[in-house]
PDB file of N, CA and C in Angstrom:
ATOM      1  N   MET A   1     -10.596  45.123  -0.738  1.00  0.00           N
ATOM      2  CA  MET A   1      -9.884  43.909  -1.030  1.00  0.00           C
ATOM      3  C   MET A   1      -9.667  43.121   0.253  1.00  0.00           C
ATOM      4  N   SER A   2      -9.854  41.837   0.181  1.00  0.00           N
ATOM      5  CA  SER A   2      -9.724  40.950   1.337  1.00  0.00           C
ATOM      6  C   SER A   2      -8.259  40.696   1.670  1.00  0.00           C
ATOM      7  N   ASN A   3      -7.972  40.496   2.934  1.00  0.00           N
ATOM      8  CA  ASN A   3      -6.629  40.152   3.387  1.00  0.00           C
ATOM      9  C   ASN A   3      -6.503  38.645   3.572  1.00  0.00           C
ATOM     10  N   CYS A   4      -7.053  37.892   2.664  1.00  0.00           N
ATOM     11  CA  CYS A   4      -7.078  36.438   2.735  1.00  0.00           C
ATOM     12  C   CYS A   4      -5.684  35.865   2.424  1.00  0.00           C
ATOM     13  N   ASN A   5      -5.195  34.949   3.275  1.00  0.00           N
ATOM     14  CA  ASN A   5      -3.898  34.341   3.001  1.00  0.00           C
ATOM     15  C   ASN A   5      -4.064  33.040   2.218  1.00  0.00           C
ATOM     16  N   VAL A   6      -2.962  32.450   1.816  1.00  0.00           N
ATOM     17  CA  VAL A   6      -2.988  31.244   0.995  1.00  0.00           C
ATOM     18  C   VAL A   6      -3.728  30.108   1.691  1.00  0.00           C
ATOM     19  N   SER A   7      -3.497  29.916   2.976  1.00  0.00           N
ATOM     20  CA  SER A   7      -4.150  28.824   3.699  1.00  0.00           C
ATOM     21  C   SER A   7      -5.667  28.949   3.657  1.00  0.00           C
ATOM     22  N   GLU A   8      -6.163  30.160   3.790  1.00  0.00           N
ATOM     23  CA  GLU A   8      -7.611  30.375   3.735  1.00  0.00           C
ATOM     24  C   GLU A   8      -8.158  30.092   2.343  1.00  0.00           C
ATOM     25  N   LYS A   9      -7.411  30.464   1.312  1.00  0.00           N
ATOM     26  CA  LYS A   9      -7.857  30.230  -0.057  1.00  0.00           C
ATOM     27  C   LYS A   9      -7.873  28.742  -0.393  1.00  0.00           C
ATOM     28  N   LEU A  10      -6.993  27.968   0.215  1.00  0.00           N
ATOM     29  CA  LEU A  10      -6.972  26.530  -0.050  1.00  0.00           C
ATOM     30  C   LEU A  10      -8.262  25.844   0.393  1.00  0.00           C
ATOM     31  N   PHE A  11      -8.983  26.466   1.314  1.00  0.00           N
ATOM     32  CA  PHE A  11     -10.243  25.893   1.767  1.00  0.00           C
ATOM     33  C   PHE A  11     -11.392  26.150   0.798  1.00  0.00           C
ATOM     34  N   THR A  12     -11.158  26.903  -0.286  1.00  0.00           N
ATOM     35  CA  THR A  12     -12.210  27.168  -1.263  1.00  0.00           C
ATOM     36  C   THR A  12     -12.200  26.163  -2.406  1.00  0.00           C
ATOM     37  N   ILE A  13     -11.382  25.139  -2.326  1.00  0.00           N
ATOM     38  CA  ILE A  13     -11.315  24.135  -3.382  1.00  0.00           C
ATOM     39  C   ILE A  13     -11.885  22.817  -2.886  1.00  0.00           C
ATOM     40  N   ARG A  14     -12.280  21.986  -3.824  1.00  0.00           N
ATOM     41  CA  ARG A  14     -12.784  20.656  -3.500  1.00  0.00           C
ATOM     42  C   ARG A  14     -11.834  19.645  -4.138  1.00  0.00           C
ATOM     43  N   TYR A  15     -11.576  18.575  -3.414  1.00  0.00           N
ATOM     44  CA  TYR A  15     -10.646  17.575  -3.899  1.00  0.00           C
ATOM     45  C   TYR A  15     -11.264  16.202  -3.710  1.00  0.00           C
ATOM     46  N   LYS A  16     -11.367  15.471  -4.804  1.00  0.00           N
ATOM     47  CA  LYS A  16     -11.814  14.080  -4.732  1.00  0.00           C
ATOM     48  C   LYS A  16     -10.564  13.218  -4.769  1.00  0.00           C
ATOM     49  N   CYS A  17     -10.281  12.618  -3.629  1.00  0.00           N
ATOM     50  CA  CYS A  17      -9.024  11.907  -3.457  1.00  0.00           C
ATOM     51  C   CYS A  17      -9.074  10.491  -4.024  1.00  0.00           C
ATOM     52  N   ASP A  18      -8.046  10.144  -4.765  1.00  0.00           N
ATOM     53  CA  ASP A  18      -7.860   8.786  -5.268  1.00  0.00           C
ATOM     54  C   ASP A  18      -7.155   7.977  -4.185  1.00  0.00           C
ATOM     55  N   THR A  19      -7.109   6.677  -4.342  1.00  0.00           N
ATOM     56  CA  THR A  19      -6.390   5.833  -3.391  1.00  0.00           C
ATOM     57  C   THR A  19      -4.912   5.718  -3.745  1.00  0.00           C
ATOM     58  N   GLU A  20      -4.553   6.068  -4.979  1.00  0.00           N
ATOM     59  CA  GLU A  20      -3.161   6.031  -5.422  1.00  0.00           C
ATOM     60  C   GLU A  20      -2.642   7.443  -5.641  1.00  0.00           C
ATOM     61  N   SER A  21      -1.415   7.664  -5.257  1.00  0.00           N
ATOM     62  CA  SER A  21      -0.787   8.973  -5.414  1.00  0.00           C
ATOM     63  C   SER A  21      -0.432   9.238  -6.876  1.00  0.00           C
ATOM     64  N   HIS A  22      -0.646  10.466  -7.310  1.00  0.00           N
ATOM     65  CA  HIS A  22      -0.211  10.893  -8.642  1.00  0.00           C
ATOM     66  C   HIS A  22       1.156  11.580  -8.561  1.00  0.00           C
ATOM     67  N   LEU A  23       1.717  11.605  -7.350  1.00  0.00           N
ATOM     68  CA  LEU A  23       3.037  12.180  -7.089  1.00  0.00           C
ATOM     69  C   LEU A  23       3.934  11.104  -6.511  1.00  0.00           C
ATOM     70  N   VAL A  24       5.106  10.931  -7.091  1.00  0.00           N
ATOM     71  CA  VAL A  24       6.001   9.868  -6.646  1.00  0.00           C
ATOM     72  C   VAL A  24       7.424  10.392  -6.541  1.00  0.00           C
ATOM     73  N   ILE A  25       8.077  10.083  -5.430  1.00  0.00           N
ATOM     74  CA  ILE A  25       9.511  10.348  -5.306  1.00  0.00           C
ATOM     75  C   ILE A  25      10.213   9.242  -6.091  1.00  0.00           C
ATOM     76  N   LYS A  26      10.976   9.611  -7.107  1.00  0.00           N
ATOM     77  CA  LYS A  26      11.600   8.629  -7.986  1.00  0.00           C
ATOM     78  C   LYS A  26      12.650   7.788  -7.266  1.00  0.00           C
ATOM     79  N   GLU A  27      13.574   8.439  -6.572  1.00  0.00           N
ATOM     80  CA  GLU A  27      14.665   7.739  -5.890  1.00  0.00           C
ATOM     81  C   GLU A  27      14.802   8.288  -4.469  1.00  0.00           C
ATOM     82  N   THR A  28      14.532   7.474  -3.473  1.00  0.00           N
ATOM     83  CA  THR A  28      14.615   7.940  -2.087  1.00  0.00           C
ATOM     84  C   THR A  28      16.052   8.307  -1.704  1.00  0.00           C
ATOM     85  N   GLU A  29      17.030   7.670  -2.328  1.00  0.00           N
ATOM     86  CA  GLU A  29      18.428   7.977  -2.035  1.00  0.00           C
ATOM     87  C   GLU A  29      18.784   9.411  -2.428  1.00  0.00           C
ATOM     88  N   THR A  30      18.148   9.906  -3.470  1.00  0.00           N
ATOM     89  CA  THR A  30      18.399  11.278  -3.910  1.00  0.00           C
ATOM     90  C   THR A  30      17.961  12.260  -2.827  1.00  0.00           C
ATOM     91  N   CYS A  31      16.855  11.981  -2.171  1.00  0.00           N
ATOM     92  CA  CYS A  31      16.388  12.851  -1.081  1.00  0.00           C
ATOM     93  C   CYS A  31      17.360  12.839   0.098  1.00  0.00           C
ATOM     94  N   LEU A  32      17.986  11.698   0.336  1.00  0.00           N
ATOM     95  CA  LEU A  32      18.967  11.616   1.424  1.00  0.00           C
ATOM     96  C   LEU A  32      20.146  12.544   1.192  1.00  0.00           C
ATOM     97  N   SER A  33      20.594  12.648  -0.043  1.00  0.00           N
ATOM     98  CA  SER A  33      21.762  13.473  -0.346  1.00  0.00           C
ATOM     99  C   SER A  33      21.408  14.938  -0.617  1.00  0.00           C
ATOM    100  N   CYS A  34      20.129  15.253  -0.707  1.00  0.00           N
ATOM    101  CA  CYS A  34      19.702  16.639  -0.958  1.00  0.00           C
ATOM    102  C   CYS A  34      19.982  17.493   0.277  1.00  0.00           C
ATOM    103  N   LYS A  35      20.724  18.565   0.083  1.00  0.00           N
ATOM    104  CA  LYS A  35      21.102  19.439   1.201  1.00  0.00           C
ATOM    105  C   LYS A  35      20.005  20.445   1.563  1.00  0.00           C
ATOM    106  N   THR A  36      19.279  20.947   0.566  1.00  0.00           N
ATOM    107  CA  THR A  36      18.344  22.050   0.810  1.00  0.00           C
ATOM    108  C   THR A  36      16.903  21.620   1.076  1.00  0.00           C
ATOM    109  N   LYS A  37      16.532  20.417   0.673  1.00  0.00           N
ATOM    110  CA  LYS A  37      15.160  19.912   0.851  1.00  0.00           C
ATOM    111  C   LYS A  37      14.139  20.937   0.346  1.00  0.00           C
ATOM    112  N   ASP A  38      14.366  21.434  -0.864  1.00  0.00           N
ATOM    113  CA  ASP A  38      13.512  22.463  -1.456  1.00  0.00           C
ATOM    114  C   ASP A  38      12.034  22.081  -1.498  1.00  0.00           C
ATOM    115  N   CYS A  39      11.729  20.821  -1.683  1.00  0.00           N
ATOM    116  CA  CYS A  39      10.328  20.403  -1.792  1.00  0.00           C
ATOM    117  C   CYS A  39       9.524  20.736  -0.539  1.00  0.00           C
ATOM    118  N   ASN A  40      10.179  20.883   0.580  1.00  0.00           N
ATOM    119  CA  ASN A  40       9.492  21.248   1.811  1.00  0.00           C
ATOM    120  C   ASN A  40       9.031  22.696   1.808  1.00  0.00           C
ATOM    121  N   TYR A  41       9.523  23.484   0.853  1.00  0.00           N
ATOM    122  CA  TYR A  41       9.244  24.920   0.839  1.00  0.00           C
ATOM    123  C   TYR A  41       8.519  25.414  -0.401  1.00  0.00           C
ATOM    124  N   PHE A  42       8.726  24.796  -1.564  1.00  0.00           N
ATOM    125  CA  PHE A  42       8.130  25.345  -2.781  1.00  0.00           C
ATOM    126  C   PHE A  42       6.666  24.999  -2.973  1.00  0.00           C
ATOM    127  N   CYS A  43       6.176  23.953  -2.364  1.00  0.00           N
ATOM    128  CA  CYS A  43       4.785  23.544  -2.557  1.00  0.00           C
ATOM    129  C   CYS A  43       3.842  24.431  -1.730  1.00  0.00           C
ATOM    130  N   PRO A  44       2.885  25.095  -2.383  1.00  0.00           N
ATOM    131  CA  PRO A  44       1.983  25.988  -1.650  1.00  0.00           C
ATOM    132  C   PRO A  44       1.002  25.261  -0.734  1.00  0.00           C
ATOM    133  N   SER A  45       0.819  23.955  -0.935  1.00  0.00           N
ATOM    134  CA  SER A  45      -0.126  23.220  -0.085  1.00  0.00           C
ATOM    135  C   SER A  45       0.554  22.181   0.805  1.00  0.00           C
ATOM    136  N   ASP A  46       1.840  22.345   1.033  1.00  0.00           N
ATOM    137  CA  ASP A  46       2.602  21.503   1.978  1.00  0.00           C
ATOM    138  C   ASP A  46       2.447  20.002   1.729  1.00  0.00           C
ATOM    139  N   VAL A  47       2.619  19.598   0.478  1.00  0.00           N
ATOM    140  CA  VAL A  47       2.520  18.177   0.128  1.00  0.00           C
ATOM    141  C   VAL A  47       3.732  17.399   0.619  1.00  0.00           C
ATOM    142  N   TYR A  48       4.911  18.007   0.554  1.00  0.00           N
ATOM    143  CA  TYR A  48       6.162  17.300   0.861  1.00  0.00           C
ATOM    144  C   TYR A  48       6.682  17.672   2.236  1.00  0.00           C
ATOM    145  N   GLU A  49       7.157  16.648   2.957  1.00  0.00           N
ATOM    146  CA  GLU A  49       7.747  16.901   4.275  1.00  0.00           C
ATOM    147  C   GLU A  49       8.866  15.906   4.530  1.00  0.00           C
ATOM    148  N   TRP A  50      10.018  16.418   4.923  1.00  0.00           N
ATOM    149  CA  TRP A  50      11.161  15.577   5.248  1.00  0.00           C
ATOM    150  C   TRP A  50      10.989  15.051   6.660  1.00  0.00           C
ATOM    151  N   GLU A  51      10.979  13.739   6.812  1.00  0.00           N
ATOM    152  CA  GLU A  51      10.882  13.085   8.117  1.00  0.00           C
ATOM    153  C   GLU A  51      12.287  12.722   8.565  1.00  0.00           C
ATOM    154  N   LYS A  52      12.828  13.495   9.494  1.00  0.00           N
ATOM    155  CA  LYS A  52      14.213  13.306   9.928  1.00  0.00           C
ATOM    156  C   LYS A  52      14.457  11.926  10.518  1.00  0.00           C
ATOM    157  N   LYS A  53      13.549  11.467  11.364  1.00  0.00           N
ATOM    158  CA  LYS A  53      13.753  10.166  12.015  1.00  0.00           C
ATOM    159  C   LYS A  53      13.710   9.012  11.012  1.00  0.00           C
ATOM    160  N   LEU A  54      12.800   9.088  10.044  1.00  0.00           N
ATOM    161  CA  LEU A  54      12.670   8.022   9.049  1.00  0.00           C
ATOM    162  C   LEU A  54      13.622   8.197   7.866  1.00  0.00           C
ATOM    163  N   LYS A  55      14.143   9.431   7.724  1.00  0.00           N
ATOM    164  CA  LYS A  55      15.033   9.782   6.623  1.00  0.00           C
ATOM    165  C   LYS A  55      14.373   9.551   5.264  1.00  0.00           C
ATOM    166  N   ILE A  56      13.126  10.023   5.165  1.00  0.00           N
ATOM    167  CA  ILE A  56      12.385   9.960   3.900  1.00  0.00           C
ATOM    168  C   ILE A  56      11.584  11.246   3.724  1.00  0.00           C
ATOM    169  N   THR A  57      11.211  11.499   2.489  1.00  0.00           N
ATOM    170  CA  THR A  57      10.293  12.589   2.196  1.00  0.00           C
ATOM    171  C   THR A  57       8.906  11.989   2.071  1.00  0.00           C
ATOM    172  N   THR A  58       7.989  12.434   2.919  1.00  0.00           N
ATOM    173  CA  THR A  58       6.612  11.952   2.814  1.00  0.00           C
ATOM    174  C   THR A  58       5.866  12.815   1.807  1.00  0.00           C
ATOM    175  N   VAL A  59       4.881  12.204   1.152  1.00  0.00           N
ATOM    176  CA  VAL A  59       4.105  12.877   0.124  1.00  0.00           C
ATOM    177  C   VAL A  59       2.630  12.796   0.500  1.00  0.00           C
ATOM    178  N   ALA A  60       2.058  13.923   0.901  1.00  0.00           N
ATOM    179  CA  ALA A  60       0.631  13.998   1.229  1.00  0.00           C
ATOM    180  C   ALA A  60      -0.113  14.431  -0.031  1.00  0.00           C
ATOM    181  N   PHE A  61      -0.232  13.513  -0.994  1.00  0.00           N
ATOM    182  CA  PHE A  61      -0.812  13.849  -2.295  1.00  0.00           C
ATOM    183  C   PHE A  61      -2.250  14.337  -2.182  1.00  0.00           C
ATOM    184  N   GLU A  62      -2.905  14.033  -1.088  1.00  0.00           N
ATOM    185  CA  GLU A  62      -4.281  14.469  -0.873  1.00  0.00           C
ATOM    186  C   GLU A  62      -4.388  15.992  -0.800  1.00  0.00           C
ATOM    187  N   ASN A  63      -3.282  16.662  -0.484  1.00  0.00           N
ATOM    188  CA  ASN A  63      -3.266  18.122  -0.378  1.00  0.00           C
ATOM    189  C   ASN A  63      -2.958  18.817  -1.707  1.00  0.00           C
ATOM    190  N   CYS A  64      -2.560  18.079  -2.712  1.00  0.00           N
ATOM    191  CA  CYS A  64      -2.061  18.653  -3.965  1.00  0.00           C
ATOM    192  C   CYS A  64      -3.129  19.477  -4.684  1.00  0.00           C
ATOM    193  N   ILE A  65      -2.754  20.687  -5.090  1.00  0.00           N
ATOM    194  CA  ILE A  65      -3.658  21.553  -5.851  1.00  0.00           C
ATOM    195  C   ILE A  65      -3.311  21.559  -7.343  1.00  0.00           C
ATOM    196  N   GLU A  66      -2.461  20.638  -7.753  1.00  0.00           N
ATOM    197  CA  GLU A  66      -2.107  20.427  -9.153  1.00  0.00           C
ATOM    198  C   GLU A  66      -1.544  21.666  -9.836  1.00  0.00           C
ATOM    199  N   CYS A  67      -0.751  22.428  -9.106  1.00  0.00           N
ATOM    200  CA  CYS A  67      -0.146  23.632  -9.687  1.00  0.00           C
ATOM    201  C   CYS A  67       1.046  23.293 -10.567  1.00  0.00           C
ATOM    202  N   GLY A  68       1.671  22.135 -10.343  1.00  0.00           N
ATOM    203  CA  GLY A  68       2.795  21.703 -11.154  1.00  0.00           C
ATOM    204  C   GLY A  68       4.148  22.226 -10.710  1.00  0.00           C
ATOM    205  N   THR A  69       4.203  22.946  -9.617  1.00  0.00           N
ATOM    206  CA  THR A  69       5.470  23.500  -9.140  1.00  0.00           C
ATOM    207  C   THR A  69       6.509  22.409  -8.937  1.00  0.00           C
ATOM    208  N   CYS A  70       6.112  21.288  -8.377  1.00  0.00           N
ATOM    209  CA  CYS A  70       7.080  20.228  -8.088  1.00  0.00           C
ATOM    210  C   CYS A  70       7.674  19.617  -9.354  1.00  0.00           C
ATOM    211  N   ARG A  71       6.979  19.746 -10.477  1.00  0.00           N
ATOM    212  CA  ARG A  71       7.518  19.228 -11.743  1.00  0.00           C
ATOM    213  C   ARG A  71       8.785  19.953 -12.154  1.00  0.00           C
ATOM    214  N   ILE A  72       8.877  21.221 -11.778  1.00  0.00           N
ATOM    215  CA  ILE A  72      10.017  22.019 -12.236  1.00  0.00           C
ATOM    216  C   ILE A  72      10.939  22.481 -11.115  1.00  0.00           C
ATOM    217  N   ALA A  73      10.482  22.456  -9.868  1.00  0.00           N
ATOM    218  CA  ALA A  73      11.256  23.073  -8.790  1.00  0.00           C
ATOM    219  C   ALA A  73      12.240  22.148  -8.089  1.00  0.00           C
ATOM    220  N   CYS A  74      12.058  20.859  -8.163  1.00  0.00           N
ATOM    221  CA  CYS A  74      13.013  19.948  -7.529  1.00  0.00           C
ATOM    222  C   CYS A  74      14.339  20.039  -8.288  1.00  0.00           C
ATOM    223  N   PRO A  75      15.414  20.447  -7.617  1.00  0.00           N
ATOM    224  CA  PRO A  75      16.690  20.617  -8.315  1.00  0.00           C
ATOM    225  C   PRO A  75      17.252  19.309  -8.873  1.00  0.00           C
ATOM    226  N   SER A  76      16.803  18.175  -8.348  1.00  0.00           N
ATOM    227  CA  SER A  76      17.282  16.874  -8.820  1.00  0.00           C
ATOM    228  C   SER A  76      16.304  16.200  -9.774  1.00  0.00           C
ATOM    229  N   ASP A  77      15.200  16.875 -10.096  1.00  0.00           N
ATOM    230  CA  ASP A  77      14.152  16.298 -10.950  1.00  0.00           C
ATOM    231  C   ASP A  77      13.753  14.915 -10.412  1.00  0.00           C
ATOM    232  N   ASN A  78      13.501  14.857  -9.120  1.00  0.00           N
ATOM    233  CA  ASN A  78      13.253  13.580  -8.448  1.00  0.00           C
ATOM    234  C   ASN A  78      11.776  13.336  -8.117  1.00  0.00           C
ATOM    235  N   ILE A  79      10.899  14.171  -8.642  1.00  0.00           N
ATOM    236  CA  ILE A  79       9.474  14.004  -8.378  1.00  0.00           C
ATOM    237  C   ILE A  79       8.751  13.715  -9.685  1.00  0.00           C
ATOM    238  N   ALA A  80       8.070  12.577  -9.740  1.00  0.00           N
ATOM    239  CA  ALA A  80       7.251  12.236 -10.906  1.00  0.00           C
ATOM    240  C   ALA A  80       5.847  12.763 -10.645  1.00  0.00           C
ATOM    241  N   TRP A  81       5.344  13.590 -11.550  1.00  0.00           N
ATOM    242  CA  TRP A  81       4.042  14.245 -11.399  1.00  0.00           C
ATOM    243  C   TRP A  81       3.214  13.966 -12.634  1.00  0.00           C
ATOM    244  N   VAL A  82       2.005  13.464 -12.422  1.00  0.00           N
ATOM    245  CA  VAL A  82       1.037  13.290 -13.502  1.00  0.00           C
ATOM    246  C   VAL A  82      -0.304  13.798 -12.998  1.00  0.00           C
ATOM    247  N   TYR A  83      -1.203  14.092 -13.926  1.00  0.00           N
ATOM    248  CA  TYR A  83      -2.544  14.473 -13.501  1.00  0.00           C
ATOM    249  C   TYR A  83      -3.224  13.270 -12.864  1.00  0.00           C
ATOM    250  N   PRO A  84      -4.055  13.485 -11.850  1.00  0.00           N
ATOM    251  CA  PRO A  84      -4.820  12.366 -11.285  1.00  0.00           C
ATOM    252  C   PRO A  84      -5.727  11.774 -12.358  1.00  0.00           C
ATOM    253  N   LYS A  85      -6.058  10.493 -12.209  1.00  0.00           N
ATOM    254  CA  LYS A  85      -6.909   9.867 -13.211  1.00  0.00           C
ATOM    255  C   LYS A  85      -8.298  10.509 -13.210  1.00  0.00           C
ATOM    256  N   GLY A  86      -9.011  10.330 -14.312  1.00  0.00           N
ATOM    257  CA  GLY A  86     -10.307  10.973 -14.527  1.00  0.00           C
ATOM    258  C   GLY A  86     -11.269  10.866 -13.357  1.00  0.00           C
ATOM    259  N   GLY A  87     -11.877  11.989 -13.022  1.00  0.00           N
ATOM    260  CA  GLY A  87     -12.838  12.033 -11.929  1.00  0.00           C
ATOM    261  C   GLY A  87     -12.233  12.336 -10.574  1.00  0.00           C
ATOM    262  N   TYR A  88     -10.911  12.322 -10.492  1.00  0.00           N
ATOM    263  CA  TYR A  88     -10.230  12.586  -9.226  1.00  0.00           C
ATOM    264  C   TYR A  88      -9.422  13.872  -9.340  1.00  0.00           C
ATOM    265  N   GLY A  89      -9.048  14.382  -8.198  1.00  0.00           N
ATOM    266  CA  GLY A  89      -8.215  15.576  -8.175  1.00  0.00           C
ATOM    267  C   GLY A  89      -8.975  16.805  -7.739  1.00  0.00           C
ATOM    268  N   ILE A  90      -8.512  17.934  -8.202  1.00  0.00           N
ATOM    269  CA  ILE A  90      -8.978  19.236  -7.731  1.00  0.00           C
ATOM    270  C   ILE A  90     -10.158  19.767  -8.533  1.00  0.00           C
ATOM    271  N   THR A  91     -11.061  20.446  -7.849  1.00  0.00           N
ATOM    272  CA  THR A  91     -12.132  21.197  -8.499  1.00  0.00           C
ATOM    273  C   THR A  91     -12.146  22.568  -7.856  1.00  0.00           C
ATOM    274  N   TYR A  92     -11.897  23.586  -8.666  1.00  0.00           N
ATOM    275  CA  TYR A  92     -11.874  24.946  -8.126  1.00  0.00           C
ATOM    276  C   TYR A  92     -13.285  25.501  -8.056  1.00  0.00           C
ATOM    277  N   LYS A  93     -13.558  26.252  -7.021  1.00  0.00           N
ATOM    278  CA  LYS A  93     -14.881  26.808  -6.796  1.00  0.00           C
ATOM    279  C   LYS A  93     -15.253  27.828  -7.869  1.00  0.00           C
ATOM    280  N   TYR A  94     -14.318  28.671  -8.270  1.00  0.00           N
ATOM    281  CA  TYR A  94     -14.573  29.704  -9.256  1.00  0.00           C
ATOM    282  C   TYR A  94     -13.732  29.474 -10.504  1.00  0.00           C
ATOM    283  N   GLY A  95     -13.906  28.369 -11.148  1.00  0.00           N
ATOM    284  CA  GLY A  95     -13.040  28.143 -12.296  1.00  0.00           C
ATOM    285  C   GLY A  95     -13.548  27.141 -13.257  1.00  0.00           C
TER     286      GLY A  95
END
């Protein structure tokens, strides 16, 4: 059995990136009042990052593997998640 970590496995997927994000922070003010910033930790592909200087959560939707974790894990339900439009998004190598 291989000792492959998550980061290495992420390189086995192909992603056709759209110009528009399929992930949206609904209310930026909600992120300001969030104490735990859970989105920085629950996403396996590091899509969300809190920018302290700008006081915003950035969304690197290009990294999204469409697992749907952010749909349920944000304690404030502040992330709008939809599938990317047809022809865009993730393609798994073995799936």
